[in-house]
Amino acid sequence: MAVAAARAAGSKQAADIVILDVHDLIVITDFFVIATGTSDRQVKTIVEEVEKALRETGMKPLRREGETEAQWVLLDYVDVVVHVFSKEQREYYDLERLWRDAPRVEWEEQGAASSG
């Protein structure tokens, strides 16, 4: 589910997409997906695409926050929490630094050229 969310964000040109495996660090979720949009409109578009992609797998967010301002939108799918930030908010909150002990999950965008 985290990879599907990351790929959906990537399909809308989200920047700096990261998946953090936080299951050993906190009990409320297993993965954070973090992505950046260049404008509030793009943040909303990324969020809509993530929701659409996960809805196709039967998943709906338990909770949504931040949609009005579209500076930091959070989609809580229980096992996966998706954070879509504006550039400024991502730098300010710096979740990667806060959760620096969390391993990063390798993933590949759909359609990306594979070597070999």
C-alpha atoms as a PDB file:
ATOM      1  CA  MET A   1       0.000   0.000   0.000  1.00  0.00           C
ATOM      2  CA  ALA A   2       2.861   2.413   0.773  1.00  0.00           C
ATOM      3  CA  VAL A   3       4.458   1.754  -2.609  1.00  0.00           C
ATOM      4  CA  ALA A   4       1.101   2.238  -4.356  1.00  0.00           C
ATOM      5  CA  ALA A   5       0.723   5.588  -2.579  1.00  0.00           C
ATOM      6  CA  ALA A   6       4.266   6.618  -3.534  1.00  0.00           C
ATOM      7  CA  ARG A   7       3.685   5.650  -7.159  1.00  0.00           C
ATOM      8  CA  ALA A   8       0.406   7.579  -7.249  1.00  0.00           C
ATOM      9  CA  ALA A   9       2.169  10.655  -5.871  1.00  0.00           C
ATOM     10  CA  GLY A  10       4.937  10.219  -8.435  1.00  0.00           C
ATOM     11  CA  SER A  11       2.397  10.048 -11.245  1.00  0.00           C
ATOM     12  CA  LYS A  12       1.436  13.639 -10.366  1.00  0.00           C
ATOM     13  CA  GLN A  13       5.070  14.817 -10.299  1.00  0.00           C
ATOM     14  CA  ALA A  14       5.429  14.921  -6.521  1.00  0.00           C
ATOM     15  CA  ALA A  15       9.019  15.671  -5.506  1.00  0.00           C
ATOM     16  CA  ASP A  16      11.307  13.887  -3.048  1.00  0.00           C
ATOM     17  CA  ILE A  17       9.019  10.929  -2.389  1.00  0.00           C
ATOM     18  CA  VAL A  18      10.211   8.847   0.545  1.00  0.00           C
ATOM     19  CA  ILE A  19       8.783   5.792   2.277  1.00  0.00           C
ATOM     20  CA  LEU A  20       9.902   5.338   5.887  1.00  0.00           C
ATOM     21  CA  ASP A  21       9.424   2.038   7.731  1.00  0.00           C
ATOM     22  CA  VAL A  22       8.459   3.239  11.212  1.00  0.00           C
ATOM     23  CA  HIS A  23       6.881   0.037  12.556  1.00  0.00           C
ATOM     24  CA  ASP A  24       9.733  -0.589  15.028  1.00  0.00           C
ATOM     25  CA  LEU A  25       9.678   3.028  16.240  1.00  0.00           C
ATOM     26  CA  ILE A  26       5.991   3.808  16.823  1.00  0.00           C
ATOM     27  CA  VAL A  27       2.873   1.732  17.389  1.00  0.00           C
ATOM     28  CA  ILE A  28       0.310   3.815  15.486  1.00  0.00           C
ATOM     29  CA  THR A  29       1.425   2.962  11.940  1.00  0.00           C
ATOM     30  CA  ASP A  30       3.921   0.938   9.933  1.00  0.00           C
ATOM     31  CA  PHE A  31       4.907   3.303   7.128  1.00  0.00           C
ATOM     32  CA  PHE A  32       5.092   7.000   6.354  1.00  0.00           C
ATOM     33  CA  VAL A  33       4.930   8.092   2.745  1.00  0.00           C
ATOM     34  CA  ILE A  34       6.265  11.641   2.393  1.00  0.00           C
ATOM     35  CA  ALA A  35       5.972  13.731  -0.761  1.00  0.00           C
ATOM     36  CA  THR A  36       6.233  17.379  -1.783  1.00  0.00           C
ATOM     37  CA  GLY A  37       4.081  19.485  -4.088  1.00  0.00           C
ATOM     38  CA  THR A  38       5.222  22.779  -5.587  1.00  0.00           C
ATOM     39  CA  SER A  39       1.908  24.595  -4.995  1.00  0.00           C
ATOM     40  CA  ASP A  40      -1.290  24.148  -3.013  1.00  0.00           C
ATOM     41  CA  ARG A  41      -2.993  23.053  -6.227  1.00  0.00           C
ATOM     42  CA  GLN A  42      -0.381  20.357  -6.825  1.00  0.00           C
ATOM     43  CA  VAL A  43      -0.590  19.208  -3.195  1.00  0.00           C
ATOM     44  CA  LYS A  44      -4.346  18.733  -3.644  1.00  0.00           C
ATOM     45  CA  THR A  45      -3.829  16.927  -6.965  1.00  0.00           C
ATOM     46  CA  ILE A  46      -1.293  14.552  -5.396  1.00  0.00           C
ATOM     47  CA  VAL A  47      -3.652  13.825  -2.501  1.00  0.00           C
ATOM     48  CA  GLU A  48      -6.545  13.145  -4.886  1.00  0.00           C
ATOM     49  CA  GLU A  49      -4.396  10.744  -6.935  1.00  0.00           C
ATOM     50  CA  VAL A  50      -3.193   8.853  -3.850  1.00  0.00           C
ATOM     51  CA  GLU A  51      -6.767   8.499  -2.635  1.00  0.00           C
ATOM     52  CA  LYS A  52      -7.940   7.336  -6.056  1.00  0.00           C
ATOM     53  CA  ALA A  53      -5.168   4.741  -6.362  1.00  0.00           C
ATOM     54  CA  LEU A  54      -5.735   3.327  -2.882  1.00  0.00           C
ATOM     55  CA  ARG A  55      -9.522   3.387  -3.280  1.00  0.00           C
ATOM     56  CA  GLU A  56      -9.032   1.077  -6.281  1.00  0.00           C
ATOM     57  CA  THR A  57      -7.478  -1.440  -3.865  1.00  0.00           C
ATOM     58  CA  GLY A  58     -10.424  -1.071  -1.485  1.00  0.00           C
ATOM     59  CA  MET A  59      -8.694   1.277   0.966  1.00  0.00           C
ATOM     60  CA  LYS A  60     -10.206   4.506   2.294  1.00  0.00           C
ATOM     61  CA  PRO A  61      -8.461   6.883   4.671  1.00  0.00           C
ATOM     62  CA  LEU A  62      -9.601   6.645   8.273  1.00  0.00           C
ATOM     63  CA  ARG A  63      -8.729  10.315   8.710  1.00  0.00           C
ATOM     64  CA  ARG A  64      -7.794  13.312   6.549  1.00  0.00           C
ATOM     65  CA  GLU A  65      -6.270  16.537   7.801  1.00  0.00           C
ATOM     66  CA  GLY A  66      -4.984  19.786   6.312  1.00  0.00           C
ATOM     67  CA  GLU A  67      -6.986  19.885   3.103  1.00  0.00           C
ATOM     68  CA  THR A  68      -8.213  23.453   3.507  1.00  0.00           C
ATOM     69  CA  GLU A  69      -4.768  25.029   3.588  1.00  0.00           C
ATOM     70  CA  ALA A  70      -3.122  22.339   1.395  1.00  0.00           C
ATOM     71  CA  GLN A  71       0.271  22.999   2.995  1.00  0.00           C
ATOM     72  CA  TRP A  72       0.480  19.657   4.808  1.00  0.00           C
ATOM     73  CA  VAL A  73      -2.198  17.119   4.007  1.00  0.00           C
ATOM     74  CA  LEU A  74      -2.248  13.913   5.991  1.00  0.00           C
ATOM     75  CA  LEU A  75      -4.083  10.763   4.882  1.00  0.00           C
ATOM     76  CA  ASP A  76      -4.275   8.121   7.613  1.00  0.00           C
ATOM     77  CA  TYR A  77      -4.777   4.578   6.320  1.00  0.00           C
ATOM     78  CA  VAL A  78      -3.845   3.079   9.739  1.00  0.00           C
ATOM     79  CA  ASP A  79      -0.923   0.930   8.469  1.00  0.00           C
ATOM     80  CA  VAL A  80       0.256   3.718   6.168  1.00  0.00           C
ATOM     81  CA  VAL A  81       0.170   7.472   6.785  1.00  0.00           C
ATOM     82  CA  VAL A  82       0.659   9.656   3.717  1.00  0.00           C
ATOM     83  CA  HIS A  83       2.051  13.165   4.211  1.00  0.00           C
ATOM     84  CA  VAL A  84       1.919  15.567   1.264  1.00  0.00           C
ATOM     85  CA  PHE A  85       3.697  18.832   2.014  1.00  0.00           C
ATOM     86  CA  SER A  86       4.345  22.159   0.386  1.00  0.00           C
ATOM     87  CA  LYS A  87       8.108  22.696   0.046  1.00  0.00           C
ATOM     88  CA  GLU A  88       8.206  25.189   2.929  1.00  0.00           C
ATOM     89  CA  GLN A  89       6.230  22.989   5.333  1.00  0.00           C
ATOM     90  CA  ARG A  90       8.308  19.922   4.507  1.00  0.00           C
ATOM     91  CA  GLU A  91      11.509  21.805   5.274  1.00  0.00           C
ATOM     92  CA  TYR A  92      10.012  23.212   8.478  1.00  0.00           C
ATOM     93  CA  TYR A  93       8.698  19.914   9.891  1.00  0.00           C
ATOM     94  CA  ASP A  94      11.528  17.769   8.451  1.00  0.00           C
ATOM     95  CA  LEU A  95       9.969  14.382   9.219  1.00  0.00           C
ATOM     96  CA  GLU A  96      12.960  12.570   7.750  1.00  0.00           C
ATOM     97  CA  ARG A  97      15.166  14.135  10.422  1.00  0.00           C
ATOM     98  CA  LEU A  98      12.605  13.466  13.157  1.00  0.00           C
ATOM     99  CA  TRP A  99      12.355   9.812  12.084  1.00  0.00           C
ATOM    100  CA  ARG A 100      15.981   9.457  10.952  1.00  0.00           C
ATOM    101  CA  ASP A 101      16.258   6.024  12.625  1.00  0.00           C
ATOM    102  CA  ALA A 102      13.518   4.663  10.355  1.00  0.00           C
ATOM    103  CA  PRO A 103      14.800   2.648   7.408  1.00  0.00           C
ATOM    104  CA  ARG A 104      13.872   3.917   3.964  1.00  0.00           C
ATOM    105  CA  VAL A 105      11.894   1.545   1.773  1.00  0.00           C
ATOM    106  CA  GLU A 106      13.216   1.190  -1.751  1.00  0.00           C
ATOM    107  CA  TRP A 107      10.541   1.570  -4.408  1.00  0.00           C
ATOM    108  CA  GLU A 108      10.412   2.299  -8.096  1.00  0.00           C
ATOM    109  CA  GLU A 109       7.979   4.476  -9.967  1.00  0.00           C
ATOM    110  CA  GLN A 110       5.834   2.615 -12.447  1.00  0.00           C
ATOM    111  CA  GLY A 111       7.106   3.097 -15.929  1.00  0.00           C
ATOM    112  CA  ALA A 112      10.628   3.866 -14.725  1.00  0.00           C
ATOM    113  CA  ALA A 113      13.286   2.309 -16.883  1.00  0.00           C
ATOM    114  CA  SER A 114      14.873  -0.697 -15.273  1.00  0.00           C
ATOM    115  CA  SER A 115      18.465  -1.580 -15.888  1.00  0.00           C
ATOM    116  CA  GLY A 116      19.309  -5.030 -17.125  1.00  0.00           C
END
